[in-house]
Structures are given as structure tokens and as C-alpha cells.
Amino acid sequence: MMSKRGWKLKSIGYFLFKFEKCFQPCKYQMDYNELNEEYLSVLKEAGYEYVGAHGIGGNVFVSENINALDLHTDENLHRKVILEKYSQSDIVMNLIFGLYFALKFYGMSGNIDELIKGAYLCLSLGFVIEAIAISFMRIYMNHKSKFLLKSYQIMTIMTRFIKPIFVMVLLYASFYVWRLSFQIIMFLSLFFMISIGYYYFSNKLLKRTLLSQIKDIILLSLFIYVVIFLVVL
């Protein structure tokens, strides 16, 4: 839609998308291959420009040549990406339930039962929706169904709101169940953001979208802190 209005997608943030003026229609493609300088140079010769990561393991490319060759994604690689992401969610689930049973054993759980149920639901729902969204996008790439494209866009937007809710539930648990001080929460959050920054800076391919990602992370963090502060008061 934005392409028809004369705008080209420049970069992808967590919540925000950056566009630039373009006076010709663009072609967008999503790929799941591992990114490296050699692969990007091949795509550049084919007329594609890297925009950013989107969804579960997907990378978005744009070409100002509407007749550029399609990027064909290997079906086995697609399954591998989904399995890897679900494996990551399994690790998170094990950590959550490990902490839950540890607190339960020592009689410190309080109202953590309901909090864990909500966090588990948010995280699980996010991964399921993104997995379905990727499948819809792949079908759209082959059959050009506008309905599937719209469904993919709606699902990716849903996951962007579900995950912050999961973070807010855990922060709420930190204040009211685990009784951690505000200073500890701030320290852990700062450490988390520094770790993310180090990851981006250490990866040359992600420097292109670093600023937009940082802005989104800061805005999301400020929003969460304000909500938690109001709840505590």
C-alpha cells in the first residue's frame, strides 16, 4: 500500500517502520537464509537491498526493479527456522516453570500461579501467531493472495503487542511477588539493554537498523516503567 503511494520501506524497528520517498513501485521479498556479507552482495547484484529482520527469523528485502527475480526460500530451511524458534521458547518455558516450582517448594509463591499462567499464555500465543504468519506470507509469495498478505500483517502486529504484555507481567511479578527493589529492577533492565546493544554492535549486518531498534526499545522501556510506576502508586 505504501509502495503504491510513492514510499519505499527503508528500515524495520520493533514498533516503527521507516519509509523514504520513491517515485516508482518496489518489489518486496522475504527470505530465511542466514545473512552474511557474501550473501548480501549476491542479492545486491540481483537488485535487492536489505531492509531488516521481521517475524520469526525472516529477513525483508526490497528492489526498485519490479521485475527482479523472486527469492525462493527452501522449504526445509523454513521448517528449521520454526523449530529453532520453538526451541528457544521451550528454554524460556523451562526457566519460568523452574522458578515457579522453586518458589512453590519454599512457600514463596503467593499469587504467582495466576501470573505464570498469564505469562505462559502471552509467550505461547506470540510464538504460535508468528509461526502461522510466516506460513501465510510464504503462501502469499507463491500465490499473491491479498487476503493472506493482510492476515500476515495483522498477525505480526498482534505479536508486537503480546510480547510487551508478557514483559509487563514479569515486571509486575518482580514488584509484588518476588519483592525485588526498584533499584534491582532498573539494574537488571539496564544490563539487558546493554547486552542487546553489544549484540547489535558486534554484528555488522545489524548496524543498519541499530538506531531504529534502539529508539523502539527505549520507547517501550519508558512505557513499561511508567505503567509499573503508576501501578505501584
Protein backbone atom coordinates (compact mmCIF):
# COMPACT_ATOMS: atom_id res chain seq x y z
CA MET A 1 0.00 0.00 0.00
CA MET A 2 2.78 2.45 0.94
CA SER A 3 4.65 1.49 -2.23
CA LYS A 4 1.65 2.49 -4.34
CA ARG A 5 1.63 5.86 -2.60
CA GLY A 6 5.24 6.51 -3.53
CA TRP A 7 7.00 5.35 -0.36
CA LYS A 8 9.77 2.75 -0.03
CA LEU A 9 10.43 0.77 3.16
CA LYS A 10 13.87 1.77 4.45
CA SER A 11 14.22 0.02 7.81
CA ILE A 12 12.21 -2.04 10.30
CA GLY A 13 12.07 -1.37 14.03
CA TYR A 14 10.16 -3.20 16.77
CA PHE A 15 7.09 -0.97 16.54
CA LEU A 16 8.08 1.59 13.92
CA PHE A 17 8.79 1.35 10.19
CA LYS A 18 10.88 3.94 8.37
CA PHE A 19 9.96 4.91 4.80
CA GLU A 20 11.59 7.12 2.22
CA LYS A 21 10.13 8.76 -0.87
CA CYS A 22 10.34 6.63 -4.01
CA PHE A 23 8.79 7.54 -7.36
CA GLN A 24 8.46 4.00 -8.70
CA PRO A 25 6.82 0.79 -7.47
CA CYS A 26 9.03 -1.54 -5.42
CA LYS A 27 9.14 -5.29 -5.06
CA TYR A 28 9.41 -6.81 -1.57
CA GLN A 29 10.62 -10.31 -0.76
CA MET A 30 11.12 -12.24 2.49
CA ASP A 31 13.92 -14.76 2.92
CA TYR A 32 15.06 -17.06 5.74
CA ASN A 33 18.64 -17.78 4.71
CA GLU A 34 21.46 -16.93 7.10
CA LEU A 35 22.79 -13.45 6.43
CA ASN A 36 26.44 -12.80 5.66
CA GLU A 37 28.34 -10.29 3.54
CA GLU A 38 28.72 -12.68 0.61
CA TYR A 39 25.01 -13.49 0.52
CA LEU A 40 24.06 -9.81 0.73
CA SER A 41 26.44 -8.95 -2.12
CA VAL A 42 24.78 -11.62 -4.29
CA LEU A 43 21.34 -10.17 -3.55
CA LYS A 44 22.65 -6.67 -4.21
CA GLU A 45 23.79 -7.75 -7.67
CA ALA A 46 20.28 -9.16 -8.19
CA GLY A 47 18.88 -5.72 -7.39
CA TYR A 48 17.78 -6.28 -3.78
CA GLU A 49 18.51 -4.13 -0.73
CA TYR A 50 18.36 -5.45 2.83
CA VAL A 51 15.66 -3.73 4.90
CA GLY A 52 15.68 -5.59 8.21
CA ALA A 53 14.52 -8.61 10.19
CA HIS A 54 10.82 -9.25 10.59
CA GLY A 55 8.76 -12.02 12.18
CA ILE A 56 10.41 -15.29 13.18
CA GLY A 57 13.82 -15.46 11.51
CA GLY A 58 12.62 -13.66 8.38
CA ASN A 59 14.61 -11.00 6.51
CA VAL A 60 12.91 -8.44 4.29
CA PHE A 61 14.49 -7.26 1.02
CA VAL A 62 13.33 -4.58 -1.39
CA SER A 63 14.10 -3.92 -5.04
CA GLU A 64 13.22 -0.89 -7.12
CA ASN A 65 13.03 -3.23 -10.11
CA ILE A 66 9.51 -4.63 -10.12
CA ASN A 67 10.65 -7.41 -12.49
CA ALA A 68 13.52 -8.60 -10.27
CA LEU A 69 13.84 -12.36 -9.76
CA ASP A 70 11.95 -13.86 -6.80
CA LEU A 71 13.87 -15.08 -3.78
CA HIS A 72 12.95 -18.74 -3.39
CA THR A 73 13.10 -19.99 0.17
CA ASP A 74 13.95 -23.62 0.81
CA GLU A 75 11.09 -25.50 2.50
CA ASN A 76 13.44 -27.46 4.78
CA LEU A 77 15.10 -24.23 5.90
CA HIS A 78 11.68 -22.79 6.71
CA ARG A 79 10.90 -25.78 8.98
CA LYS A 80 14.32 -25.44 10.60
CA VAL A 81 13.68 -21.78 11.46
CA ILE A 82 10.33 -22.61 13.05
CA LEU A 83 11.82 -25.46 15.09
CA GLU A 84 14.69 -23.27 16.30
CA LYS A 85 12.29 -20.56 17.45
CA TYR A 86 10.10 -23.06 19.25
CA SER A 87 13.22 -24.50 20.88
CA GLN A 88 14.01 -21.02 22.21
CA SER A 89 10.51 -20.74 23.61
CA ASP A 90 10.95 -24.13 25.30
CA ILE A 91 14.07 -22.81 27.05
CA VAL A 92 12.14 -19.79 28.32
CA MET A 93 9.27 -22.01 29.48
CA ASN A 94 11.67 -24.28 31.37
CA LEU A 95 13.19 -21.28 33.15
CA ILE A 96 9.77 -19.92 34.06
CA PHE A 97 8.45 -23.19 35.43
CA GLY A 98 11.76 -23.99 37.12
CA LEU A 99 11.49 -20.73 39.05
CA TYR A 100 7.83 -21.38 39.73
CA PHE A 101 8.43 -24.80 41.30
CA ALA A 102 11.42 -23.47 43.24
CA LEU A 103 9.27 -20.72 44.79
CA LYS A 104 6.47 -23.21 45.38
CA PHE A 105 8.85 -25.56 47.20
CA TYR A 106 10.00 -22.80 49.57
CA GLY A 107 6.46 -21.49 50.11
CA MET A 108 7.12 -18.09 48.49
CA SER A 109 4.77 -18.31 45.53
CA GLY A 110 1.92 -16.09 46.79
CA ASN A 111 -0.16 -15.14 43.74
CA ILE A 112 2.45 -16.33 41.29
CA ASP A 113 0.14 -19.06 39.98
CA GLU A 114 -2.04 -16.57 38.12
CA LEU A 115 0.95 -14.53 36.96
CA ILE A 116 2.68 -17.57 35.50
CA LYS A 117 -0.48 -18.59 33.67
CA GLY A 118 -0.74 -15.15 32.09
CA ALA A 119 2.94 -15.00 31.13
CA TYR A 120 2.83 -18.51 29.67
CA LEU A 121 -0.27 -17.66 27.64
CA CYS A 122 1.24 -14.43 26.25
CA LEU A 123 4.54 -16.01 25.26
CA SER A 124 2.99 -19.16 23.77
CA LEU A 125 0.39 -17.20 21.84
CA GLY A 126 3.11 -14.95 20.40
CA PHE A 127 5.12 -17.86 19.01
CA VAL A 128 2.05 -19.63 17.61
CA ILE A 129 0.78 -16.49 15.85
CA GLU A 130 4.18 -15.74 14.33
CA ALA A 131 4.52 -19.32 13.07
CA ILE A 132 1.14 -19.08 11.33
CA ALA A 133 2.03 -15.63 10.00
CA ILE A 134 5.19 -16.95 8.33
CA SER A 135 3.21 -19.72 6.65
CA PHE A 136 0.70 -17.16 5.35
CA MET A 137 3.48 -14.98 3.96
CA ARG A 138 5.11 -17.92 2.17
CA ILE A 139 1.79 -18.88 0.56
CA TYR A 140 1.28 -15.24 -0.44
CA MET A 141 4.71 -15.16 -2.10
CA ASN A 142 3.68 -18.12 -4.26
CA HIS A 143 0.04 -17.27 -4.98
CA LYS A 144 -0.17 -13.47 -4.42
CA SER A 145 -3.27 -13.67 -2.23
CA LYS A 146 -4.19 -10.26 -0.81
CA PHE A 147 -6.17 -11.93 1.98
CA LEU A 148 -3.12 -13.88 3.16
CA LEU A 149 -0.93 -10.78 3.00
CA LYS A 150 -3.40 -8.84 5.14
CA SER A 151 -3.60 -11.77 7.58
CA TYR A 152 0.20 -11.81 7.87
CA GLN A 153 0.30 -8.07 8.61
CA ILE A 154 -2.40 -8.36 11.28
CA MET A 155 -0.67 -11.31 12.98
CA THR A 156 2.73 -9.65 13.13
CA ILE A 157 1.14 -6.55 14.68
CA MET A 158 -0.58 -8.76 17.28
CA THR A 159 2.71 -10.36 18.34
CA ARG A 160 4.32 -6.94 18.78
CA PHE A 161 1.73 -6.12 21.44
CA ILE A 162 1.59 -9.57 23.05
CA LYS A 163 5.31 -9.71 23.88
CA PRO A 164 5.40 -6.35 25.76
CA ILE A 165 2.42 -7.59 27.79
CA PHE A 166 4.49 -10.64 28.73
CA VAL A 167 7.33 -8.34 29.87
CA MET A 168 4.92 -6.24 31.93
CA VAL A 169 3.52 -9.35 33.64
CA LEU A 170 7.03 -10.43 34.67
CA LEU A 171 7.85 -6.91 35.94
CA TYR A 172 4.65 -6.91 37.94
CA ALA A 173 5.65 -10.26 39.42
CA SER A 174 9.05 -8.80 40.30
CA PHE A 175 7.47 -6.00 42.35
CA TYR A 176 4.56 -7.76 44.05
CA VAL A 177 5.56 -11.42 44.27
CA TRP A 178 9.33 -11.59 44.41
CA ARG A 179 9.55 -8.27 46.33
CA LEU A 180 12.58 -7.05 44.43
CA SER A 181 13.50 -3.40 44.91
CA PHE A 182 13.07 -0.84 42.16
CA GLN A 183 16.86 -0.36 42.02
CA ILE A 184 17.41 -4.05 41.28
CA ILE A 185 14.80 -3.98 38.52
CA MET A 186 16.45 -0.92 36.98
CA PHE A 187 19.88 -2.55 37.15
CA LEU A 188 18.66 -5.76 35.51
CA SER A 189 16.84 -3.80 32.81
CA LEU A 190 19.92 -1.66 32.13
CA PHE A 191 22.07 -4.79 31.91
CA PHE A 192 19.58 -6.31 29.49
CA MET A 193 19.61 -3.23 27.25
CA ILE A 194 23.43 -3.07 27.28
CA SER A 195 23.54 -6.74 26.26
CA ILE A 196 21.21 -6.02 23.35
CA GLY A 197 23.34 -3.04 22.32
CA TYR A 198 26.52 -5.12 22.42
CA TYR A 199 24.84 -7.79 20.27
CA TYR A 200 23.87 -5.26 17.62
CA PHE A 201 27.24 -3.53 17.60
CA SER A 202 29.07 -6.86 17.32
CA ASN A 203 27.02 -7.81 14.26
CA LYS A 204 27.94 -5.67 11.25
CA LEU A 205 24.82 -6.69 9.36
CA LEU A 206 22.53 -5.27 12.05
CA LYS A 207 24.17 -1.86 12.31
CA ARG A 208 21.95 -0.59 9.52
CA THR A 209 18.83 -0.85 11.67
CA LEU A 210 20.52 -0.19 15.02
CA LEU A 211 19.22 3.35 15.56
CA SER A 212 15.60 2.48 14.81
CA GLN A 213 15.81 -0.59 17.07
CA ILE A 214 17.32 1.41 19.94
CA LYS A 215 14.63 4.09 19.66
CA ASP A 216 11.90 1.46 19.80
CA ILE A 217 13.50 -0.30 22.79
CA ILE A 218 13.83 2.99 24.70
CA LEU A 219 10.21 3.98 23.98
CA LEU A 220 8.95 0.54 25.00
CA SER A 221 11.03 0.56 28.21
CA LEU A 222 9.83 4.03 29.18
CA PHE A 223 6.23 2.98 28.59
CA ILE A 224 6.65 -0.12 30.76
CA TYR A 225 8.32 1.83 33.58
CA VAL A 226 5.57 4.46 33.58
CA VAL A 227 2.86 1.80 33.77
CA ILE A 228 4.65 -0.06 36.57
CA PHE A 229 5.23 3.21 38.46
CA LEU A 230 1.53 4.08 38.24
CA VAL A 231 0.53 0.60 39.38
CA VAL A 232 2.91 0.74 42.36
CA LEU A 233 1.50 4.12 43.42
